[in-house]
Amino acid sequence: MDPLALFDAIKVRGHKNGTATMAVLIDHGADVNYMAKNWATPLLHSVHYRSKEKLLYLLKHGADPTIRGRVSKDTPAESAQRRGDQELFEILKAAEVEHAQ
């Protein structure tokens, strides 16, 4: 399986099939914490596309909210805050706390 397929499913905007595609990929072993050369992790990629539904899906399926991007060095929460997306920031900060427990 192409490890970048999950990233393609994330960037499908406004189409419910993006989340359905993610589900199939994850069910077939896609790594929700894969570190891509240019896009960082799927969770950071979902912040970039401001996709709350996909971000929540990734968290539900084991995405690590503490992994920092290779280039930006931001956590997903820091990236959301930098982009001014308070809703995603709050979701991700809560996920960081839960992850630490």
C-alpha atoms as a PDB file:
ATOM      1  CA  MET A   1       0.000   0.000   0.000  1.00  0.00           C
ATOM      2  CA  ASP A   2       1.238   3.471  -0.854  1.00  0.00           C
ATOM      3  CA  PRO A   3       1.879   5.181   2.510  1.00  0.00           C
ATOM      4  CA  LEU A   4       0.869   8.517   0.967  1.00  0.00           C
ATOM      5  CA  ALA A   5      -2.638   7.325   0.045  1.00  0.00           C
ATOM      6  CA  LEU A   6      -3.960   8.496   3.407  1.00  0.00           C
ATOM      7  CA  PHE A   7      -2.727  12.017   2.647  1.00  0.00           C
ATOM      8  CA  ASP A   8      -4.644  12.022  -0.635  1.00  0.00           C
ATOM      9  CA  ALA A   9      -7.832  11.004   1.191  1.00  0.00           C
ATOM     10  CA  ILE A  10      -7.352  13.853   3.672  1.00  0.00           C
ATOM     11  CA  LYS A  11      -7.109  16.533   1.028  1.00  0.00           C
ATOM     12  CA  VAL A  12     -10.427  15.563  -0.606  1.00  0.00           C
ATOM     13  CA  ARG A  13     -12.434  18.594   0.527  1.00  0.00           C
ATOM     14  CA  GLY A  14     -16.176  18.707   0.869  1.00  0.00           C
ATOM     15  CA  HIS A  15     -16.616  15.082  -0.147  1.00  0.00           C
ATOM     16  CA  LYS A  16     -17.724  12.463   2.331  1.00  0.00           C
ATOM     17  CA  ASN A  17     -15.839   9.845   0.347  1.00  0.00           C
ATOM     18  CA  GLY A  18     -12.585  11.254   1.730  1.00  0.00           C
ATOM     19  CA  THR A  19     -13.424   9.962   5.199  1.00  0.00           C
ATOM     20  CA  ALA A  20     -14.760   6.707   3.769  1.00  0.00           C
ATOM     21  CA  THR A  21     -11.521   6.288   1.836  1.00  0.00           C
ATOM     22  CA  MET A  22      -9.544   6.961   5.010  1.00  0.00           C
ATOM     23  CA  ALA A  23     -11.564   4.276   6.800  1.00  0.00           C
ATOM     24  CA  VAL A  24     -10.774   1.678   4.145  1.00  0.00           C
ATOM     25  CA  LEU A  25      -7.092   2.604   4.124  1.00  0.00           C
ATOM     26  CA  ILE A  26      -6.822   2.447   7.915  1.00  0.00           C
ATOM     27  CA  ASP A  27      -8.746  -0.846   7.992  1.00  0.00           C
ATOM     28  CA  HIS A  28      -6.160  -2.207   5.558  1.00  0.00           C
ATOM     29  CA  GLY A  29      -3.179  -1.112   7.613  1.00  0.00           C
ATOM     30  CA  ALA A  30      -2.415   2.494   6.653  1.00  0.00           C
ATOM     31  CA  ASP A  31      -0.132   4.019   9.285  1.00  0.00           C
ATOM     32  CA  VAL A  32      -1.954   6.963  10.900  1.00  0.00           C
ATOM     33  CA  ASN A  33       1.417   8.220  12.193  1.00  0.00           C
ATOM     34  CA  TYR A  34       3.394   7.886   8.952  1.00  0.00           C
ATOM     35  CA  MET A  35       5.943  10.698   8.619  1.00  0.00           C
ATOM     36  CA  ALA A  36       5.949  11.852   4.995  1.00  0.00           C
ATOM     37  CA  LYS A  37       8.920  13.752   3.643  1.00  0.00           C
ATOM     38  CA  ASN A  38       6.979  16.909   2.751  1.00  0.00           C
ATOM     39  CA  TRP A  39       3.662  16.676   4.607  1.00  0.00           C
ATOM     40  CA  ALA A  40       4.665  15.508   8.065  1.00  0.00           C
ATOM     41  CA  THR A  41       1.946  13.227   9.539  1.00  0.00           C
ATOM     42  CA  PRO A  42      -1.662  12.647   8.470  1.00  0.00           C
ATOM     43  CA  LEU A  43      -2.792  14.558  11.575  1.00  0.00           C
ATOM     44  CA  LEU A  44      -0.718  17.610  10.644  1.00  0.00           C
ATOM     45  CA  HIS A  45      -1.994  17.279   7.086  1.00  0.00           C
ATOM     46  CA  SER A  46      -5.591  17.362   8.335  1.00  0.00           C
ATOM     47  CA  VAL A  47      -4.780  20.568  10.262  1.00  0.00           C
ATOM     48  CA  HIS A  48      -3.386  22.065   7.057  1.00  0.00           C
ATOM     49  CA  TYR A  49      -6.659  21.282   5.268  1.00  0.00           C
ATOM     50  CA  ARG A  50      -8.712  22.340   8.321  1.00  0.00           C
ATOM     51  CA  SER A  51     -10.586  19.074   8.223  1.00  0.00           C
ATOM     52  CA  LYS A  52     -12.157  18.591  11.640  1.00  0.00           C
ATOM     53  CA  GLU A  53     -13.997  15.397  10.671  1.00  0.00           C
ATOM     54  CA  LYS A  54     -10.843  13.736   9.350  1.00  0.00           C
ATOM     55  CA  LEU A  55      -8.754  14.988  12.268  1.00  0.00           C
ATOM     56  CA  LEU A  56     -11.221  13.464  14.736  1.00  0.00           C
ATOM     57  CA  TYR A  57     -11.247  10.221  12.750  1.00  0.00           C
ATOM     58  CA  LEU A  58      -7.453  10.013  12.864  1.00  0.00           C
ATOM     59  CA  LEU A  59      -7.384  10.660  16.612  1.00  0.00           C
ATOM     60  CA  LYS A  60     -10.037   7.990  17.159  1.00  0.00           C
ATOM     61  CA  HIS A  61      -7.852   5.538  15.241  1.00  0.00           C
ATOM     62  CA  GLY A  62      -4.625   6.125  17.130  1.00  0.00           C
ATOM     63  CA  ALA A  63      -2.994   9.182  15.586  1.00  0.00           C
ATOM     64  CA  ASP A  64      -0.388  10.589  17.975  1.00  0.00           C
ATOM     65  CA  PRO A  65      -1.084  14.300  18.621  1.00  0.00           C
ATOM     66  CA  THR A  66       2.427  14.872  19.988  1.00  0.00           C
ATOM     67  CA  ILE A  67       4.432  14.065  16.854  1.00  0.00           C
ATOM     68  CA  ARG A  68       6.132  17.194  15.528  1.00  0.00           C
ATOM     69  CA  GLY A  69       6.439  18.011  11.857  1.00  0.00           C
ATOM     70  CA  ARG A  70       9.730  17.324  10.158  1.00  0.00           C
ATOM     71  CA  VAL A  71      10.001  20.816   8.668  1.00  0.00           C
ATOM     72  CA  SER A  72       7.917  23.111  10.886  1.00  0.00           C
ATOM     73  CA  LYS A  73       8.739  21.273  14.130  1.00  0.00           C
ATOM     74  CA  ASP A  74       5.162  22.100  15.250  1.00  0.00           C
ATOM     75  CA  THR A  75       2.838  19.673  16.966  1.00  0.00           C
ATOM     76  CA  PRO A  76      -0.589  19.512  15.322  1.00  0.00           C
ATOM     77  CA  ALA A  77      -1.963  21.752  18.122  1.00  0.00           C
ATOM     78  CA  GLU A  78       0.769  24.339  17.556  1.00  0.00           C
ATOM     79  CA  SER A  79       0.081  24.250  13.831  1.00  0.00           C
ATOM     80  CA  ALA A  80      -3.656  24.798  14.399  1.00  0.00           C
ATOM     81  CA  GLN A  81      -2.927  27.690  16.757  1.00  0.00           C
ATOM     82  CA  ARG A  82      -0.508  29.269  14.279  1.00  0.00           C
ATOM     83  CA  ARG A  83      -3.199  29.010  11.590  1.00  0.00           C
ATOM     84  CA  GLY A  84      -5.734  30.654  13.889  1.00  0.00           C
ATOM     85  CA  ASP A  85      -8.003  27.615  14.076  1.00  0.00           C
ATOM     86  CA  GLN A  86      -9.114  27.721  17.707  1.00  0.00           C
ATOM     87  CA  GLU A  87     -11.511  24.779  17.390  1.00  0.00           C
ATOM     88  CA  LEU A  88      -8.867  22.382  16.065  1.00  0.00           C
ATOM     89  CA  PHE A  89      -6.359  23.756  18.577  1.00  0.00           C
ATOM     90  CA  GLU A  90      -8.662  22.941  21.500  1.00  0.00           C
ATOM     91  CA  ILE A  91      -9.411  19.447  20.168  1.00  0.00           C
ATOM     92  CA  LEU A  92      -5.716  18.741  19.743  1.00  0.00           C
ATOM     93  CA  LYS A  93      -4.676  20.149  23.137  1.00  0.00           C
ATOM     94  CA  ALA A  94      -7.263  17.878  24.782  1.00  0.00           C
ATOM     95  CA  ALA A  95      -5.917  14.959  22.728  1.00  0.00           C
ATOM     96  CA  GLU A  96      -2.365  15.735  23.910  1.00  0.00           C
ATOM     97  CA  VAL A  97      -3.507  15.597  27.544  1.00  0.00           C
ATOM     98  CA  GLU A  98      -5.351  12.329  26.941  1.00  0.00           C
ATOM     99  CA  HIS A  99      -2.331  10.892  25.111  1.00  0.00           C
ATOM    100  CA  ALA A 100      -0.056  11.713  28.064  1.00  0.00           C
ATOM    101  CA  GLN A 101      -2.192   9.712  30.507  1.00  0.00           C
END
